[in-house]
Amino acid sequence: MFDPREKIALFIDGANLYATSRALGFDIDYRKLLASFQERGYLLRAYYYTALVEDQEYSSIRPLIDWLDYNGYKVVTKPAKEFTDSTGRRKIKGNMDIELAIDALELTDIVDHYVIFSGDGDFRSLVDALQRRGRKVSVVSTIQSQPPMISDELRRQADSFIDLAALRDQVGRDPSERASRRAEPAPQDDEDGDD
């Protein structure tokens, strides 16, 4: 599936990957995820796409975005749109499909193997366009959930499908690990500034 001589780029649909990992019952350890794909070939870039609600005083995703930005990921964000639906409920919309597709197409001269972390069927056309340019495309999602998180059209179009459930040991962190980290006391800084 992977050739160690390939230049690889990861394209992570943040909201979709989050929903997929939640459906499978584990969190993604993004440090492990990078390391896992660095072992498969030359990892050129790792993009993470997400929309942010701008007017919130605190966003639960902000610490993750900041960590990713400092630890090897190219984070692409845009403001989410807030609206009221026909039933009067407040809804938030923040689709990043176009940004992901444009970035992927702009790299066809240097990337050999695209890894798209999403099950969104809208990416079928992107996968087809990349393949027409001679690029290999793997899609990471799952068929282990009910209903499956990947569209059948996208799965059929991809050169290879990687079930996120199969990557659990390589890229996963159990949700209980997060709870135990919160319970641990924060590390104290050394007085001389060394860590």
Foldseek 3Di string as FASTA:
>chain_A
DFDQAFAEEEAEAAVQLQVQCVLVQWDFAVVLVVVVVVVRYPHDAYEYEDEAAPPDPDDPCVVVQVVQVVPGHHYDYYHWDWDADPVRDIDTHGDCVVVSLVVVVVCLVPGAEYEYEFQDPVCLVSLVVSVVSVHAYEYEGAPPGVNGRHDPSNCVSHPYYDYVSVCCVRTTDHPVVVVVVVVDDDDDADPVRDD
